[in-house]
Amino acid sequence: MPRCDLNSKTGQKHLGFLVNRGYLAIEKDGERARYVATERAAEYVALFSRLYQRLFDAVPGFRL
């Protein structure tokens, strides 16, 4: 990927979405926050991994 437009504002929005859905939990360490994957995230990660494998394990039908 030549470019990624994930700035801190967009990243915070995505993290908030994942926390609200129960895939991430916030752990406070003094003033710092740490995001930790929950048990609920395991199902999502497994499904995403299978999808990713199916998409990218196959060799393209054309030559570059």
PDB file of N, CA and C in Angstrom:
ATOM      1  N   MET A   1       0.850  -1.155   0.000  1.00  0.00           N
ATOM      2  CA  MET A   1       0.000   0.000   0.000  1.00  0.00           C
ATOM      3  C   MET A   1       0.907   1.233   0.000  1.00  0.00           C
ATOM      4  N   PRO A   2       0.797   2.062  -1.012  1.00  0.00           N
ATOM      5  CA  PRO A   2       1.702   3.204  -1.093  1.00  0.00           C
ATOM      6  C   PRO A   2       1.405   4.300  -0.077  1.00  0.00           C
ATOM      7  N   ARG A   3       0.182   4.366   0.423  1.00  0.00           N
ATOM      8  CA  ARG A   3      -0.178   5.464   1.322  1.00  0.00           C
ATOM      9  C   ARG A   3      -1.274   5.023   2.291  1.00  0.00           C
ATOM     10  N   CYS A   4      -1.193   5.505   3.494  1.00  0.00           N
ATOM     11  CA  CYS A   4      -2.215   5.194   4.500  1.00  0.00           C
ATOM     12  C   CYS A   4      -2.662   6.505   5.140  1.00  0.00           C
ATOM     13  N   ASP A   5      -3.962   6.768   5.128  1.00  0.00           N
ATOM     14  CA  ASP A   5      -4.485   8.017   5.674  1.00  0.00           C
ATOM     15  C   ASP A   5      -5.019   7.852   7.092  1.00  0.00           C
ATOM     16  N   LEU A   6      -4.352   7.064   7.894  1.00  0.00           N
ATOM     17  CA  LEU A   6      -4.792   6.842   9.266  1.00  0.00           C
ATOM     18  C   LEU A   6      -4.060   7.819  10.183  1.00  0.00           C
ATOM     19  N   ASN A   7      -4.663   8.990  10.376  1.00  0.00           N
ATOM     20  CA  ASN A   7      -4.066   9.964  11.284  1.00  0.00           C
ATOM     21  C   ASN A   7      -4.579   9.711  12.700  1.00  0.00           C
ATOM     22  N   SER A   8      -4.122  10.501  13.659  1.00  0.00           N
ATOM     23  CA  SER A   8      -4.488  10.224  15.050  1.00  0.00           C
ATOM     24  C   SER A   8      -5.986  10.420  15.298  1.00  0.00           C
ATOM     25  N   LYS A   9      -6.606  11.391  14.645  1.00  0.00           N
ATOM     26  CA  LYS A   9      -8.046  11.610  14.830  1.00  0.00           C
ATOM     27  C   LYS A   9      -8.840  10.415  14.302  1.00  0.00           C
ATOM     28  N   THR A  10      -8.474   9.926  13.132  1.00  0.00           N
ATOM     29  CA  THR A  10      -9.145   8.759  12.551  1.00  0.00           C
ATOM     30  C   THR A  10      -8.868   7.523  13.395  1.00  0.00           C
ATOM     31  N   GLY A  11      -7.637   7.388  13.871  1.00  0.00           N
ATOM     32  CA  GLY A  11      -7.286   6.248  14.710  1.00  0.00           C
ATOM     33  C   GLY A  11      -8.094   6.221  15.995  1.00  0.00           C
ATOM     34  N   GLN A  12      -8.275   7.374  16.622  1.00  0.00           N
ATOM     35  CA  GLN A  12      -9.069   7.451  17.851  1.00  0.00           C
ATOM     36  C   GLN A  12     -10.520   7.058  17.583  1.00  0.00           C
ATOM     37  N   LYS A  13     -11.028   7.454  16.432  1.00  0.00           N
ATOM     38  CA  LYS A  13     -12.399   7.097  16.044  1.00  0.00           C
ATOM     39  C   LYS A  13     -12.543   5.578  15.909  1.00  0.00           C
ATOM     40  N   HIS A  14     -11.564   4.941  15.267  1.00  0.00           N
ATOM     41  CA  HIS A  14     -11.590   3.486  15.104  1.00  0.00           C
ATOM     42  C   HIS A  14     -11.448   2.771  16.447  1.00  0.00           C
ATOM     43  N   LEU A  15     -10.554   3.266  17.295  1.00  0.00           N
ATOM     44  CA  LEU A  15     -10.386   2.658  18.616  1.00  0.00           C
ATOM     45  C   LEU A  15     -11.674   2.766  19.437  1.00  0.00           C
ATOM     46  N   GLY A  16     -12.334   3.925  19.363  1.00  0.00           N
ATOM     47  CA  GLY A  16     -13.605   4.101  20.071  1.00  0.00           C
ATOM     48  C   GLY A  16     -14.658   3.125  19.589  1.00  0.00           C
ATOM     49  N   PHE A  17     -14.708   2.906  18.281  1.00  0.00           N
ATOM     50  CA  PHE A  17     -15.653   1.945  17.703  1.00  0.00           C
ATOM     51  C   PHE A  17     -15.394   0.542  18.253  1.00  0.00           C
ATOM     52  N   LEU A  18     -14.129   0.139  18.288  1.00  0.00           N
ATOM     53  CA  LEU A  18     -13.776  -1.203  18.765  1.00  0.00           C
ATOM     54  C   LEU A  18     -14.046  -1.363  20.258  1.00  0.00           C
ATOM     55  N   VAL A  19     -13.829  -0.307  21.037  1.00  0.00           N
ATOM     56  CA  VAL A  19     -14.138  -0.345  22.468  1.00  0.00           C
ATOM     57  C   VAL A  19     -15.649  -0.465  22.662  1.00  0.00           C
ATOM     58  N   ASN A  20     -16.425   0.343  21.932  1.00  0.00           N
ATOM     59  CA  ASN A  20     -17.887   0.311  22.052  1.00  0.00           C
ATOM     60  C   ASN A  20     -18.476  -1.038  21.653  1.00  0.00           C
ATOM     61  N   ARG A  21     -17.845  -1.722  20.727  1.00  0.00           N
ATOM     62  CA  ARG A  21     -18.316  -3.040  20.298  1.00  0.00           C
ATOM     63  C   ARG A  21     -17.847  -4.168  21.207  1.00  0.00           C
ATOM     64  N   GLY A  22     -16.957  -3.853  22.132  1.00  0.00           N
ATOM     65  CA  GLY A  22     -16.483  -4.862  23.073  1.00  0.00           C
ATOM     66  C   GLY A  22     -15.302  -5.670  22.586  1.00  0.00           C
ATOM     67  N   TYR A  23     -14.622  -5.217  21.514  1.00  0.00           N
ATOM     68  CA  TYR A  23     -13.460  -5.938  20.998  1.00  0.00           C
ATOM     69  C   TYR A  23     -12.167  -5.499  21.687  1.00  0.00           C
ATOM     70  N   LEU A  24     -12.163  -4.277  22.226  1.00  0.00           N
ATOM     71  CA  LEU A  24     -11.013  -3.770  22.961  1.00  0.00           C
ATOM     72  C   LEU A  24     -11.465  -3.275  24.324  1.00  0.00           C
ATOM     73  N   ALA A  25     -10.578  -3.381  25.291  1.00  0.00           N
ATOM     74  CA  ALA A  25     -10.804  -2.813  26.624  1.00  0.00           C
ATOM     75  C   ALA A  25      -9.665  -1.843  26.897  1.00  0.00           C
ATOM     76  N   ILE A  26      -9.968  -0.797  27.630  1.00  0.00           N
ATOM     77  CA  ILE A  26      -8.953   0.196  27.977  1.00  0.00           C
ATOM     78  C   ILE A  26      -8.452  -0.097  29.378  1.00  0.00           C
ATOM     79  N   GLU A  27      -7.133  -0.226  29.512  1.00  0.00           N
ATOM     80  CA  GLU A  27      -6.500  -0.385  30.819  1.00  0.00           C
ATOM     81  C   GLU A  27      -5.684   0.868  31.080  1.00  0.00           C
ATOM     82  N   LYS A  28      -5.883   1.462  32.234  1.00  0.00           N
ATOM     83  CA  LYS A  28      -5.142   2.673  32.603  1.00  0.00           C
ATOM     84  C   LYS A  28      -3.859   2.286  33.332  1.00  0.00           C
ATOM     85  N   ASP A  29      -2.777   2.915  32.932  1.00  0.00           N
ATOM     86  CA  ASP A  29      -1.480   2.743  33.590  1.00  0.00           C
ATOM     87  C   ASP A  29      -0.981   4.134  33.927  1.00  0.00           C
ATOM     88  N   GLY A  30      -1.410   4.644  35.077  1.00  0.00           N
ATOM     89  CA  GLY A  30      -1.092   6.030  35.420  1.00  0.00           C
ATOM     90  C   GLY A  30      -1.876   6.956  34.503  1.00  0.00           C
ATOM     91  N   GLU A  31      -1.162   7.789  33.752  1.00  0.00           N
ATOM     92  CA  GLU A  31      -1.809   8.700  32.811  1.00  0.00           C
ATOM     93  C   GLU A  31      -1.997   8.077  31.434  1.00  0.00           C
ATOM     94  N   ARG A  32      -1.375   6.967  31.196  1.00  0.00           N
ATOM     95  CA  ARG A  32      -1.432   6.330  29.878  1.00  0.00           C
ATOM     96  C   ARG A  32      -2.550   5.304  29.802  1.00  0.00           C
ATOM     97  N   ALA A  33      -3.130   5.216  28.618  1.00  0.00           N
ATOM     98  CA  ALA A  33      -4.157   4.206  28.361  1.00  0.00           C
ATOM     99  C   ALA A  33      -3.555   3.130  27.460  1.00  0.00           C
ATOM    100  N   ARG A  34      -3.917   1.899  27.738  1.00  0.00           N
ATOM    101  CA  ARG A  34      -3.454   0.773  26.932  1.00  0.00           C
ATOM    102  C   ARG A  34      -4.685   0.024  26.457  1.00  0.00           C
ATOM    103  N   TYR A  35      -4.727  -0.310  25.180  1.00  0.00           N
ATOM    104  CA  TYR A  35      -5.853  -1.046  24.612  1.00  0.00           C
ATOM    105  C   TYR A  35      -5.502  -2.524  24.573  1.00  0.00           C
ATOM    106  N   VAL A  36      -6.418  -3.352  25.084  1.00  0.00           N
ATOM    107  CA  VAL A  36      -6.194  -4.788  25.174  1.00  0.00           C
ATOM    108  C   VAL A  36      -7.352  -5.496  24.479  1.00  0.00           C
ATOM    109  N   ALA A  37      -7.025  -6.476  23.658  1.00  0.00           N
ATOM    110  CA  ALA A  37      -8.060  -7.257  22.978  1.00  0.00           C
ATOM    111  C   ALA A  37      -8.830  -8.094  23.995  1.00  0.00           C
ATOM    112  N   THR A  38     -10.142  -8.140  23.835  1.00  0.00           N
ATOM    113  CA  THR A  38     -10.991  -8.914  24.731  1.00  0.00           C
ATOM    114  C   THR A  38     -11.198 -10.317  24.159  1.00  0.00           C
ATOM    115  N   GLU A  39     -11.848 -11.168  24.935  1.00  0.00           N
ATOM    116  CA  GLU A  39     -12.170 -12.514  24.438  1.00  0.00           C
ATOM    117  C   GLU A  39     -13.086 -12.432  23.225  1.00  0.00           C
ATOM    118  N   ARG A  40     -13.969 -11.444  23.227  1.00  0.00           N
ATOM    119  CA  ARG A  40     -14.885 -11.277  22.095  1.00  0.00           C
ATOM    120  C   ARG A  40     -14.109 -10.998  20.801  1.00  0.00           C
ATOM    121  N   ALA A  41     -12.955 -10.366  20.905  1.00  0.00           N
ATOM    122  CA  ALA A  41     -12.142 -10.050  19.729  1.00  0.00           C
ATOM    123  C   ALA A  41     -11.597 -11.311  19.063  1.00  0.00           C
ATOM    124  N   ALA A  42     -11.425 -12.386  19.805  1.00  0.00           N
ATOM    125  CA  ALA A  42     -10.860 -13.623  19.245  1.00  0.00           C
ATOM    126  C   ALA A  42     -11.699 -14.138  18.080  1.00  0.00           C
ATOM    127  N   GLU A  43     -13.010 -14.075  18.206  1.00  0.00           N
ATOM    128  CA  GLU A  43     -13.886 -14.532  17.114  1.00  0.00           C
ATOM    129  C   GLU A  43     -13.698 -13.655  15.874  1.00  0.00           C
ATOM    130  N   TYR A  44     -13.637 -12.342  16.086  1.00  0.00           N
ATOM    131  CA  TYR A  44     -13.455 -11.410  14.971  1.00  0.00           C
ATOM    132  C   TYR A  44     -12.102 -11.655  14.284  1.00  0.00           C
ATOM    133  N   VAL A  45     -11.051 -11.813  15.075  1.00  0.00           N
ATOM    134  CA  VAL A  45      -9.714 -12.032  14.521  1.00  0.00           C
ATOM    135  C   VAL A  45      -9.670 -13.340  13.731  1.00  0.00           C
ATOM    136  N   ALA A  46     -10.303 -14.393  14.232  1.00  0.00           N
ATOM    137  CA  ALA A  46     -10.341 -15.682  13.525  1.00  0.00           C
ATOM    138  C   ALA A  46     -11.077 -15.546  12.191  1.00  0.00           C
ATOM    139  N   LEU A  47     -12.214 -14.864  12.191  1.00  0.00           N
ATOM    140  CA  LEU A  47     -12.961 -14.674  10.944  1.00  0.00           C
ATOM    141  C   LEU A  47     -12.170 -13.832   9.951  1.00  0.00           C
ATOM    142  N   PHE A  48     -11.558 -12.765  10.426  1.00  0.00           N
ATOM    143  CA  PHE A  48     -10.758 -11.912   9.552  1.00  0.00           C
ATOM    144  C   PHE A  48      -9.573 -12.684   8.974  1.00  0.00           C
ATOM    145  N   SER A  49      -8.931 -13.501   9.805  1.00  0.00           N
ATOM    146  CA  SER A  49      -7.781 -14.285   9.339  1.00  0.00           C
ATOM    147  C   SER A  49      -8.179 -15.255   8.238  1.00  0.00           C
ATOM    148  N   ARG A  50      -9.325 -15.920   8.397  1.00  0.00           N
ATOM    149  CA  ARG A  50      -9.792 -16.837   7.347  1.00  0.00           C
ATOM    150  C   ARG A  50     -10.096 -16.093   6.062  1.00  0.00           C
ATOM    151  N   LEU A  51     -10.753 -14.949   6.159  1.00  0.00           N
ATOM    152  CA  LEU A  51     -11.057 -14.144   4.978  1.00  0.00           C
ATOM    153  C   LEU A  51      -9.774 -13.700   4.292  1.00  0.00           C
ATOM    154  N   TYR A  52      -8.830 -13.211   5.059  1.00  0.00           N
ATOM    155  CA  TYR A  52      -7.558 -12.754   4.521  1.00  0.00           C
ATOM    156  C   TYR A  52      -6.831 -13.897   3.803  1.00  0.00           C
ATOM    157  N   GLN A  53      -6.812 -15.076   4.426  1.00  0.00           N
ATOM    158  CA  GLN A  53      -6.159 -16.236   3.815  1.00  0.00           C
ATOM    159  C   GLN A  53      -6.801 -16.592   2.483  1.00  0.00           C
ATOM    160  N   ARG A  54      -8.117 -16.588   2.429  1.00  0.00           N
ATOM    161  CA  ARG A  54      -8.811 -16.917   1.183  1.00  0.00           C
ATOM    162  C   ARG A  54      -8.536 -15.904   0.091  1.00  0.00           C
ATOM    163  N   LEU A  55      -8.435 -14.647   0.452  1.00  0.00           N
ATOM    164  CA  LEU A  55      -8.192 -13.607  -0.543  1.00  0.00           C
ATOM    165  C   LEU A  55      -6.769 -13.620  -1.077  1.00  0.00           C
ATOM    166  N   PHE A  56      -5.789 -13.866  -0.205  1.00  0.00           N
ATOM    167  CA  PHE A  56      -4.419 -13.663  -0.600  1.00  0.00           C
ATOM    168  C   PHE A  56      -3.564 -14.923  -0.741  1.00  0.00           C
ATOM    169  N   ASP A  57      -4.126 -16.094  -0.458  1.00  0.00           N
ATOM    170  CA  ASP A  57      -3.362 -17.328  -0.670  1.00  0.00           C
ATOM    171  C   ASP A  57      -3.388 -17.784  -2.115  1.00  0.00           C
ATOM    172  N   ALA A  58      -4.405 -17.382  -2.852  1.00  0.00           N
ATOM    173  CA  ALA A  58      -4.520 -17.805  -4.254  1.00  0.00           C
ATOM    174  C   ALA A  58      -3.565 -16.980  -5.122  1.00  0.00           C
ATOM    175  N   VAL A  59      -2.949 -17.640  -6.065  1.00  0.00           N
ATOM    176  CA  VAL A  59      -2.065 -16.966  -7.003  1.00  0.00           C
ATOM    177  C   VAL A  59      -2.934 -16.242  -8.026  1.00  0.00           C
ATOM    178  N   PRO A  60      -2.597 -14.988  -8.372  1.00  0.00           N
ATOM    179  CA  PRO A  60      -3.402 -14.278  -9.366  1.00  0.00           C
ATOM    180  C   PRO A  60      -3.336 -14.976 -10.716  1.00  0.00           C
ATOM    181  N   GLY A  61      -4.410 -14.858 -11.481  1.00  0.00           N
ATOM    182  CA  GLY A  61      -4.486 -15.519 -12.783  1.00  0.00           C
ATOM    183  C   GLY A  61      -3.843 -14.739 -13.905  1.00  0.00           C
ATOM    184  N   PHE A  62      -2.962 -13.806 -13.586  1.00  0.00           N
ATOM    185  CA  PHE A  62      -2.290 -13.010 -14.608  1.00  0.00           C
ATOM    186  C   PHE A  62      -0.841 -12.790 -14.186  1.00  0.00           C
ATOM    187  N   ARG A  63      -0.035 -12.392 -15.130  1.00  0.00           N
ATOM    188  CA  ARG A  63       1.372 -12.141 -14.846  1.00  0.00           C
ATOM    189  C   ARG A  63       1.617 -10.634 -14.764  1.00  0.00           C
ATOM    190  N   LEU A  64       2.463 -10.247 -13.851  1.00  0.00           N
ATOM    191  CA  LEU A  64       2.814  -8.834 -13.735  1.00  0.00           C
ATOM    192  C   LEU A  64       3.958  -8.495 -14.654  1.00  0.00           C
TER     193      LEU A  64
END
